[in-house]
Amino acid sequence: MKLHTGKIVAVGLLVVALGCGAAYGITWEAGLKMGMNSAKLIGDPVSLWIDGEESQLAGTVGDYKLGFIGGVYVKANLSDFFGIQADFQYVQMGGEGPVAGYAIISQPNQQPQLAEFEGTLLLHLDYVEMPVLAVFSFNAGTQGSLQLRGFIGPTFAYGVSAEVQLTGEANMEQADTSHRIEAVDETRDADAIIENFQVGGVLGFSISYALDKVDLVLDARWGRGFTTIDNTTAAEHDSYNSGISIQAGVAIPFGR
């Protein structure tokens, strides 16, 4: 009963919003987009703290890592030239890069140990993100189906998954105290040391092409975090997310 009541209230609020918008000359647009995000880490190298206090890894981990981005959005056009847009999307962030030094390595049938390691560190960070954007239409009012928009605004994100992956080679101590070089491909949970809530900013542009009842949309944006991802006990490192994404999708304009 409560679930049905919630649905009725949500639909009612949507109808009221659309009706009030129409009364004040506001038009609405809703859409679906998805694409690729090229993410990297900036600021203090995560290799300094991501593998624990005992580890001593050197490396920036500042290379780009490809991931998915996609979701839905709704936009209120307050005029022909300006609107407010809210996105709700899933985005894969993080980064990768070469590292070397000492890391805690866990191999099958062996106790975790501090070993000399050389290879690649990948940080996989998945978020549910909500950007709130001020959108400016550059060629509003001109004839034609193509429209160019620019946008800027804050982003609010909540982490849903965090993993550290080490791939490379480690000098592992054996049961007889001898050492042997072993291949390493280890992924471990990092939720406890990554800050869940993130605040950032984004800017970019989009191109839309109007068809009969829907618009085709191409979106390109750059964003970066303003809050550190470090949630260790010390939490003294300023390491931030950043990324460049390209998305394509469809939009439904209401009141056109």
C-alpha atoms as a PDB file:
ATOM      1  CA  MET A   1       0.000   0.000   0.000  1.00  0.00           C
ATOM      2  CA  LYS A   2       2.792   2.409   0.931  1.00  0.00           C
ATOM      3  CA  LEU A   3       4.646   1.583  -2.295  1.00  0.00           C
ATOM      4  CA  HIS A   4       1.593   2.349  -4.453  1.00  0.00           C
ATOM      5  CA  THR A   5       0.997   5.569  -2.519  1.00  0.00           C
ATOM      6  CA  GLY A   6       4.623   6.614  -3.134  1.00  0.00           C
ATOM      7  CA  LYS A   7       4.231   5.993  -6.866  1.00  0.00           C
ATOM      8  CA  ILE A   8       1.040   8.046  -6.982  1.00  0.00           C
ATOM      9  CA  VAL A   9       2.716  10.923  -5.125  1.00  0.00           C
ATOM     10  CA  ALA A  10       5.746  10.816  -7.452  1.00  0.00           C
ATOM     11  CA  VAL A  11       3.579  10.882 -10.567  1.00  0.00           C
ATOM     12  CA  GLY A  12       1.483  13.681  -9.055  1.00  0.00           C
ATOM     13  CA  LEU A  13       4.546  15.795  -8.322  1.00  0.00           C
ATOM     14  CA  LEU A  14       5.786  15.252 -11.879  1.00  0.00           C
ATOM     15  CA  VAL A  15       2.452  16.354 -13.330  1.00  0.00           C
ATOM     16  CA  VAL A  16       2.398  19.435 -11.073  1.00  0.00           C
ATOM     17  CA  ALA A  17       5.983  20.317 -12.037  1.00  0.00           C
ATOM     18  CA  LEU A  18       5.228  20.016 -15.751  1.00  0.00           C
ATOM     19  CA  GLY A  19       2.013  21.992 -15.360  1.00  0.00           C
ATOM     20  CA  CYS A  20       3.636  24.798 -13.374  1.00  0.00           C
ATOM     21  CA  GLY A  21       6.510  24.855 -15.817  1.00  0.00           C
ATOM     22  CA  ALA A  22       4.161  25.261 -18.744  1.00  0.00           C
ATOM     23  CA  ALA A  23       2.321  28.054 -16.941  1.00  0.00           C
ATOM     24  CA  TYR A  24       5.569  29.978 -16.492  1.00  0.00           C
ATOM     25  CA  GLY A  25       6.939  29.227 -19.950  1.00  0.00           C
ATOM     26  CA  ILE A  26       9.308  26.499 -18.762  1.00  0.00           C
ATOM     27  CA  THR A  27       9.807  23.510 -21.032  1.00  0.00           C
ATOM     28  CA  TRP A  28      11.262  20.165 -20.011  1.00  0.00           C
ATOM     29  CA  GLU A  29      13.594  17.625 -21.507  1.00  0.00           C
ATOM     30  CA  ALA A  30      14.507  14.124 -20.328  1.00  0.00           C
ATOM     31  CA  GLY A  31      17.075  11.781 -21.800  1.00  0.00           C
ATOM     32  CA  LEU A  32      19.243   8.697 -21.600  1.00  0.00           C
ATOM     33  CA  LYS A  33      22.999   8.700 -22.320  1.00  0.00           C
ATOM     34  CA  MET A  34      25.899   6.275 -22.088  1.00  0.00           C
ATOM     35  CA  GLY A  35      29.504   6.117 -23.204  1.00  0.00           C
ATOM     36  CA  MET A  36      33.122   5.857 -22.065  1.00  0.00           C
ATOM     37  CA  ASN A  37      34.976   7.638 -19.281  1.00  0.00           C
ATOM     38  CA  SER A  38      38.765   8.049 -19.306  1.00  0.00           C
ATOM     39  CA  ALA A  39      39.721   8.490 -15.641  1.00  0.00           C
ATOM     40  CA  LYS A  40      42.958   9.299 -13.858  1.00  0.00           C
ATOM     41  CA  LEU A  41      44.125  10.272 -10.369  1.00  0.00           C
ATOM     42  CA  ILE A  42      45.702  13.647  -9.645  1.00  0.00           C
ATOM     43  CA  GLY A  43      47.352  15.177  -6.590  1.00  0.00           C
ATOM     44  CA  ASP A  44      49.345  13.065  -4.132  1.00  0.00           C
ATOM     45  CA  PRO A  45      50.218   9.638  -5.606  1.00  0.00           C
ATOM     46  CA  VAL A  46      47.875   6.956  -4.232  1.00  0.00           C
ATOM     47  CA  SER A  47      50.846   4.562  -4.186  1.00  0.00           C
ATOM     48  CA  LEU A  48      51.916   6.333  -0.978  1.00  0.00           C
ATOM     49  CA  TRP A  49      48.946   5.023   1.025  1.00  0.00           C
ATOM     50  CA  ILE A  50      46.709   2.678  -0.966  1.00  0.00           C
ATOM     51  CA  ASP A  51      48.415  -0.589   0.054  1.00  0.00           C
ATOM     52  CA  GLY A  52      48.763   0.066   3.788  1.00  0.00           C
ATOM     53  CA  GLU A  53      51.333   1.595   6.099  1.00  0.00           C
ATOM     54  CA  GLU A  54      53.813  -1.286   5.731  1.00  0.00           C
ATOM     55  CA  SER A  55      54.050  -0.959   1.966  1.00  0.00           C
ATOM     56  CA  GLN A  56      56.543   1.326   0.259  1.00  0.00           C
ATOM     57  CA  LEU A  57      55.499   1.734  -3.343  1.00  0.00           C
ATOM     58  CA  ALA A  58      56.810   4.437  -5.655  1.00  0.00           C
ATOM     59  CA  GLY A  59      54.832   5.561  -8.691  1.00  0.00           C
ATOM     60  CA  THR A  60      52.316   8.230  -9.651  1.00  0.00           C
ATOM     61  CA  VAL A  61      49.458   5.912 -10.728  1.00  0.00           C
ATOM     62  CA  GLY A  62      48.510   8.838 -12.944  1.00  0.00           C
ATOM     63  CA  ASP A  63      47.746   7.069 -16.233  1.00  0.00           C
ATOM     64  CA  TYR A  64      44.252   7.101 -17.746  1.00  0.00           C
ATOM     65  CA  LYS A  65      41.964   4.082 -17.242  1.00  0.00           C
ATOM     66  CA  LEU A  66      38.921   3.492 -19.460  1.00  0.00           C
ATOM     67  CA  GLY A  67      35.552   2.802 -17.880  1.00  0.00           C
ATOM     68  CA  PHE A  68      31.806   3.069 -18.372  1.00  0.00           C
ATOM     69  CA  ILE A  69      29.583   6.083 -17.805  1.00  0.00           C
ATOM     70  CA  GLY A  70      25.856   6.281 -18.352  1.00  0.00           C
ATOM     71  CA  GLY A  71      22.528   7.311 -16.904  1.00  0.00           C
ATOM     72  CA  VAL A  72      19.529   9.570 -17.229  1.00  0.00           C
ATOM     73  CA  TYR A  73      18.947  13.306 -16.960  1.00  0.00           C
ATOM     74  CA  VAL A  74      16.173  15.870 -16.733  1.00  0.00           C
ATOM     75  CA  LYS A  75      16.486  19.484 -17.861  1.00  0.00           C
ATOM     76  CA  ALA A  76      14.298  22.503 -17.199  1.00  0.00           C
ATOM     77  CA  ASN A  77      14.595  25.117 -19.939  1.00  0.00           C
ATOM     78  CA  LEU A  78      13.985  28.413 -18.148  1.00  0.00           C
ATOM     79  CA  SER A  79      14.426  30.313 -21.406  1.00  0.00           C
ATOM     80  CA  ASP A  80      15.642  29.688 -24.952  1.00  0.00           C
ATOM     81  CA  PHE A  81      19.183  30.374 -23.801  1.00  0.00           C
ATOM     82  CA  PHE A  82      19.414  28.965 -20.274  1.00  0.00           C
ATOM     83  CA  GLY A  83      18.376  25.884 -18.338  1.00  0.00           C
ATOM     84  CA  ILE A  84      19.091  23.736 -15.269  1.00  0.00           C
ATOM     85  CA  GLN A  85      19.953  20.072 -15.735  1.00  0.00           C
ATOM     86  CA  ALA A  86      20.277  17.238 -13.197  1.00  0.00           C
ATOM     87  CA  ASP A  87      21.990  13.974 -14.167  1.00  0.00           C
ATOM     88  CA  PHE A  88      21.802  10.654 -12.355  1.00  0.00           C
ATOM     89  CA  GLN A  89      24.526   8.359 -13.650  1.00  0.00           C
ATOM     90  CA  TYR A  90      26.858   5.461 -12.943  1.00  0.00           C
ATOM     91  CA  VAL A  91      30.518   6.228 -13.566  1.00  0.00           C
ATOM     92  CA  GLN A  92      33.738   4.244 -13.285  1.00  0.00           C
ATOM     93  CA  MET A  93      36.682   6.286 -12.016  1.00  0.00           C
ATOM     94  CA  GLY A  94      40.167   5.510 -10.666  1.00  0.00           C
ATOM     95  CA  GLY A  95      43.456   5.220 -12.502  1.00  0.00           C
ATOM     96  CA  GLU A  96      46.502   3.096 -13.145  1.00  0.00           C
ATOM     97  CA  GLY A  97      50.253   3.313 -13.510  1.00  0.00           C
ATOM     98  CA  PRO A  98      53.589   1.570 -13.001  1.00  0.00           C
ATOM     99  CA  VAL A  99      54.827   1.120  -9.434  1.00  0.00           C
ATOM    100  CA  ALA A 100      57.831  -0.490  -7.756  1.00  0.00           C
ATOM    101  CA  GLY A 101      58.891  -1.128  -4.188  1.00  0.00           C
ATOM    102  CA  TYR A 102      57.457  -3.232  -1.379  1.00  0.00           C
ATOM    103  CA  ALA A 103      53.820  -4.343  -1.149  1.00  0.00           C
ATOM    104  CA  ILE A 104      51.730  -6.812   0.842  1.00  0.00           C
ATOM    105  CA  ILE A 105      51.260  -9.755  -1.531  1.00  0.00           C
ATOM    106  CA  SER A 106      48.877 -12.685  -1.044  1.00  0.00           C
ATOM    107  CA  GLN A 107      49.515 -15.784  -3.128  1.00  0.00           C
ATOM    108  CA  PRO A 108      47.559 -19.092  -3.093  1.00  0.00           C
ATOM    109  CA  ASN A 109      48.601 -21.421  -0.251  1.00  0.00           C
ATOM    110  CA  GLN A 110      50.852 -18.720   1.241  1.00  0.00           C
ATOM    111  CA  GLN A 111      50.480 -16.248   4.068  1.00  0.00           C
ATOM    112  CA  PRO A 112      50.345 -12.568   3.018  1.00  0.00           C
ATOM    113  CA  GLN A 113      53.842 -11.118   3.124  1.00  0.00           C
ATOM    114  CA  LEU A 114      55.719  -7.915   2.443  1.00  0.00           C
ATOM    115  CA  ALA A 115      57.575  -8.561  -0.810  1.00  0.00           C
ATOM    116  CA  GLU A 116      59.544  -6.632  -3.381  1.00  0.00           C
ATOM    117  CA  PHE A 117      57.114  -5.857  -6.194  1.00  0.00           C
ATOM    118  CA  GLU A 118      57.315  -4.314  -9.655  1.00  0.00           C
ATOM    119  CA  GLY A 119      54.351  -3.926 -11.975  1.00  0.00           C
ATOM    120  CA  THR A 120      51.109  -1.990 -12.393  1.00  0.00           C
ATOM    121  CA  LEU A 121      48.701  -0.708  -9.768  1.00  0.00           C
ATOM    122  CA  LEU A 122      45.092  -0.198 -10.866  1.00  0.00           C
ATOM    123  CA  LEU A 123      42.504   1.521  -8.708  1.00  0.00           C
ATOM    124  CA  HIS A 124      38.897   0.716  -9.688  1.00  0.00           C
ATOM    125  CA  LEU A 125      36.381   3.187  -8.231  1.00  0.00           C
ATOM    126  CA  ASP A 126      32.677   3.021  -9.122  1.00  0.00           C
ATOM    127  CA  TYR A 127      30.258   5.799  -8.191  1.00  0.00           C
ATOM    128  CA  VAL A 128      26.640   6.823  -8.453  1.00  0.00           C
ATOM    129  CA  GLU A 129      26.924  10.479  -9.402  1.00  0.00           C
ATOM    130  CA  MET A 130      24.553  13.446  -9.636  1.00  0.00           C
ATOM    131  CA  PRO A 131      25.833  16.537 -11.456  1.00  0.00           C
ATOM    132  CA  VAL A 132      23.688  19.682 -11.220  1.00  0.00           C
ATOM    133  CA  LEU A 133      24.417  21.825 -14.272  1.00  0.00           C
ATOM    134  CA  ALA A 134      23.798  25.323 -15.537  1.00  0.00           C
ATOM    135  CA  VAL A 135      23.263  24.897 -19.296  1.00  0.00           C
ATOM    136  CA  PHE A 136      23.758  27.659 -21.865  1.00  0.00           C
ATOM    137  CA  SER A 137      22.490  27.370 -25.456  1.00  0.00           C
ATOM    138  CA  PHE A 138      24.798  29.187 -27.865  1.00  0.00           C
ATOM    139  CA  ASN A 139      22.663  29.164 -31.014  1.00  0.00           C
ATOM    140  CA  ALA A 140      19.171  29.234 -29.507  1.00  0.00           C
ATOM    141  CA  GLY A 141      16.608  30.962 -31.680  1.00  0.00           C
ATOM    142  CA  THR A 142      18.418  30.279 -34.946  1.00  0.00           C
ATOM    143  CA  GLN A 143      16.926  28.147 -37.687  1.00  0.00           C
ATOM    144  CA  GLY A 144      18.026  24.532 -37.965  1.00  0.00           C
ATOM    145  CA  SER A 145      17.927  21.250 -36.068  1.00  0.00           C
ATOM    146  CA  LEU A 146      21.448  21.411 -34.605  1.00  0.00           C
ATOM    147  CA  GLN A 147      21.980  23.015 -31.203  1.00  0.00           C
ATOM    148  CA  LEU A 148      25.239  23.588 -29.301  1.00  0.00           C
ATOM    149  CA  ARG A 149      25.212  23.856 -25.513  1.00  0.00           C
ATOM    150  CA  GLY A 150      27.815  24.491 -22.851  1.00  0.00           C
ATOM    151  CA  PHE A 151      27.413  23.559 -19.196  1.00  0.00           C
ATOM    152  CA  ILE A 152      29.132  23.834 -15.829  1.00  0.00           C
ATOM    153  CA  GLY A 153      28.257  22.847 -12.284  1.00  0.00           C
ATOM    154  CA  PRO A 154      28.982  20.814  -9.151  1.00  0.00           C
ATOM    155  CA  THR A 155      28.854  17.028  -8.862  1.00  0.00           C
ATOM    156  CA  PHE A 156      27.930  14.858  -5.902  1.00  0.00           C
ATOM    157  CA  ALA A 157      28.965  11.204  -5.917  1.00  0.00           C
ATOM    158  CA  TYR A 158      28.629   8.193  -3.638  1.00  0.00           C
ATOM    159  CA  GLY A 159      31.012   5.271  -3.946  1.00  0.00           C
ATOM    160  CA  VAL A 160      29.506   1.833  -4.531  1.00  0.00           C
ATOM    161  CA  SER A 161      32.702  -0.164  -5.143  1.00  0.00           C
ATOM    162  CA  ALA A 162      36.458   0.270  -4.603  1.00  0.00           C
ATOM    163  CA  GLU A 163      39.168  -2.245  -5.514  1.00  0.00           C
ATOM    164  CA  VAL A 164      42.956  -2.227  -5.748  1.00  0.00           C
ATOM    165  CA  GLN A 165      44.568  -4.482  -8.368  1.00  0.00           C
ATOM    166  CA  LEU A 166      48.268  -5.348  -8.533  1.00  0.00           C
ATOM    167  CA  THR A 167      49.681  -7.025 -11.634  1.00  0.00           C
ATOM    168  CA  GLY A 168      53.365  -7.744 -12.137  1.00  0.00           C
ATOM    169  CA  GLU A 169      56.112  -9.730 -10.421  1.00  0.00           C
ATOM    170  CA  ALA A 170      57.079 -10.153  -6.765  1.00  0.00           C
ATOM    171  CA  ASN A 171      60.129 -11.616  -5.059  1.00  0.00           C
ATOM    172  CA  MET A 172      58.336 -14.020  -2.691  1.00  0.00           C
ATOM    173  CA  GLU A 173      59.896 -15.826   0.250  1.00  0.00           C
ATOM    174  CA  GLN A 174      59.329 -19.599   0.176  1.00  0.00           C
ATOM    175  CA  ALA A 175      58.791 -22.054   3.035  1.00  0.00           C
ATOM    176  CA  ASP A 176      62.512 -22.903   3.058  1.00  0.00           C
ATOM    177  CA  THR A 177      63.316 -19.142   3.338  1.00  0.00           C
ATOM    178  CA  SER A 178      64.565 -19.025  -0.250  1.00  0.00           C
ATOM    179  CA  HIS A 179      63.149 -16.451  -2.655  1.00  0.00           C
ATOM    180  CA  ARG A 180      61.486 -16.855  -6.038  1.00  0.00           C
ATOM    181  CA  ILE A 181      60.065 -14.396  -8.583  1.00  0.00           C
ATOM    182  CA  GLU A 182      56.340 -15.057  -8.952  1.00  0.00           C
ATOM    183  CA  ALA A 183      53.691 -13.565 -11.205  1.00  0.00           C
ATOM    184  CA  VAL A 184      51.135 -11.459  -9.351  1.00  0.00           C
ATOM    185  CA  ASP A 185      47.558 -10.636 -10.375  1.00  0.00           C
ATOM    186  CA  GLU A 186      45.770  -9.762  -7.175  1.00  0.00           C
ATOM    187  CA  THR A 187      42.589  -7.772  -6.585  1.00  0.00           C
ATOM    188  CA  ARG A 188      41.514  -6.722  -3.106  1.00  0.00           C
ATOM    189  CA  ASP A 189      38.650  -4.751  -1.610  1.00  0.00           C
ATOM    190  CA  ALA A 190      39.449  -1.107  -0.809  1.00  0.00           C
ATOM    191  CA  ASP A 191      36.101   0.190   0.473  1.00  0.00           C
ATOM    192  CA  ALA A 192      37.485   0.803   3.963  1.00  0.00           C
ATOM    193  CA  ILE A 193      40.239   3.162   2.808  1.00  0.00           C
ATOM    194  CA  ILE A 194      38.371   5.093   0.082  1.00  0.00           C
ATOM    195  CA  GLU A 195      36.157   8.027   1.038  1.00  0.00           C
ATOM    196  CA  ASN A 196      32.597   7.231  -0.083  1.00  0.00           C
ATOM    197  CA  PHE A 197      31.167  10.718  -0.562  1.00  0.00           C
ATOM    198  CA  GLN A 198      32.791  12.915  -3.184  1.00  0.00           C
ATOM    199  CA  VAL A 199      32.190  16.520  -4.235  1.00  0.00           C
ATOM    200  CA  GLY A 200      33.561  17.813  -7.513  1.00  0.00           C
ATOM    201  CA  GLY A 201      32.922  19.940 -10.544  1.00  0.00           C
ATOM    202  CA  VAL A 202      32.303  19.398 -14.236  1.00  0.00           C
ATOM    203  CA  LEU A 203      32.297  21.456 -17.412  1.00  0.00           C
ATOM    204  CA  GLY A 204      31.709  20.523 -21.018  1.00  0.00           C
ATOM    205  CA  PHE A 205      29.503  20.878 -24.060  1.00  0.00           C
ATOM    206  CA  SER A 206      26.837  18.929 -25.886  1.00  0.00           C
ATOM    207  CA  ILE A 207      25.439  18.843 -29.408  1.00  0.00           C
ATOM    208  CA  SER A 208      21.827  17.870 -30.044  1.00  0.00           C
ATOM    209  CA  TYR A 209      20.118  17.144 -33.342  1.00  0.00           C
ATOM    210  CA  ALA A 210      16.340  17.457 -33.407  1.00  0.00           C
ATOM    211  CA  LEU A 211      14.305  14.760 -35.136  1.00  0.00           C
ATOM    212  CA  ASP A 212      10.524  14.551 -35.240  1.00  0.00           C
ATOM    213  CA  LYS A 213       9.793  13.552 -31.615  1.00  0.00           C
ATOM    214  CA  VAL A 214      13.228  12.948 -30.092  1.00  0.00           C
ATOM    215  CA  ASP A 215      16.672  14.539 -30.151  1.00  0.00           C
ATOM    216  CA  LEU A 216      20.001  12.804 -30.682  1.00  0.00           C
ATOM    217  CA  VAL A 217      22.559  13.976 -28.129  1.00  0.00           C
ATOM    218  CA  LEU A 218      26.367  13.898 -28.037  1.00  0.00           C
ATOM    219  CA  ASP A 219      27.966  14.967 -24.743  1.00  0.00           C
ATOM    220  CA  ALA A 220      31.637  15.606 -23.880  1.00  0.00           C
ATOM    221  CA  ARG A 221      32.774  16.688 -20.407  1.00  0.00           C
ATOM    222  CA  TRP A 222      35.737  17.029 -18.066  1.00  0.00           C
ATOM    223  CA  GLY A 223      35.383  16.676 -14.328  1.00  0.00           C
ATOM    224  CA  ARG A 224      37.552  16.544 -11.224  1.00  0.00           C
ATOM    225  CA  GLY A 225      37.046  15.903  -7.552  1.00  0.00           C
ATOM    226  CA  PHE A 226      37.424  18.619  -4.918  1.00  0.00           C
ATOM    227  CA  THR A 227      37.529  16.189  -1.969  1.00  0.00           C
ATOM    228  CA  THR A 228      40.278  13.629  -1.413  1.00  0.00           C
ATOM    229  CA  ILE A 229      39.574   9.927  -1.873  1.00  0.00           C
ATOM    230  CA  ASP A 230      41.914   9.094   1.043  1.00  0.00           C
ATOM    231  CA  ASN A 231      39.953   7.617   3.958  1.00  0.00           C
ATOM    232  CA  THR A 232      42.838   5.912   5.770  1.00  0.00           C
ATOM    233  CA  THR A 233      43.450   6.426   9.490  1.00  0.00           C
ATOM    234  CA  ALA A 234      45.868   9.290   8.813  1.00  0.00           C
ATOM    235  CA  ALA A 235      43.849  10.676   5.856  1.00  0.00           C
ATOM    236  CA  GLU A 236      46.647  13.123   5.110  1.00  0.00           C
ATOM    237  CA  HIS A 237      46.986  12.733   1.335  1.00  0.00           C
ATOM    238  CA  ASP A 238      45.261  14.935  -1.234  1.00  0.00           C
ATOM    239  CA  SER A 239      44.458  12.451  -4.000  1.00  0.00           C
ATOM    240  CA  TYR A 240      41.604  13.342  -6.347  1.00  0.00           C
ATOM    241  CA  ASN A 241      39.545  11.803  -9.135  1.00  0.00           C
ATOM    242  CA  SER A 242      39.441  13.339 -12.596  1.00  0.00           C
ATOM    243  CA  GLY A 243      38.078  12.185 -15.925  1.00  0.00           C
ATOM    244  CA  ILE A 244      37.125  12.984 -19.506  1.00  0.00           C
ATOM    245  CA  SER A 245      33.976  11.351 -20.872  1.00  0.00           C
ATOM    246  CA  ILE A 246      32.054  11.116 -24.126  1.00  0.00           C
ATOM    247  CA  GLN A 247      28.424   9.985 -24.171  1.00  0.00           C
ATOM    248  CA  ALA A 248      25.735   9.565 -26.798  1.00  0.00           C
ATOM    249  CA  GLY A 249      22.021   9.186 -26.280  1.00  0.00           C
ATOM    250  CA  VAL A 250      18.480  10.288 -26.965  1.00  0.00           C
ATOM    251  CA  ALA A 251      16.359  13.029 -25.404  1.00  0.00           C
ATOM    252  CA  ILE A 252      12.595  13.613 -25.319  1.00  0.00           C
ATOM    253  CA  PRO A 253      11.644  17.313 -25.315  1.00  0.00           C
ATOM    254  CA  PHE A 254       8.299  18.197 -23.723  1.00  0.00           C
ATOM    255  CA  GLY A 255       6.391  21.190 -24.993  1.00  0.00           C
ATOM    256  CA  ARG A 256       8.296  21.719 -28.215  1.00  0.00           C
END
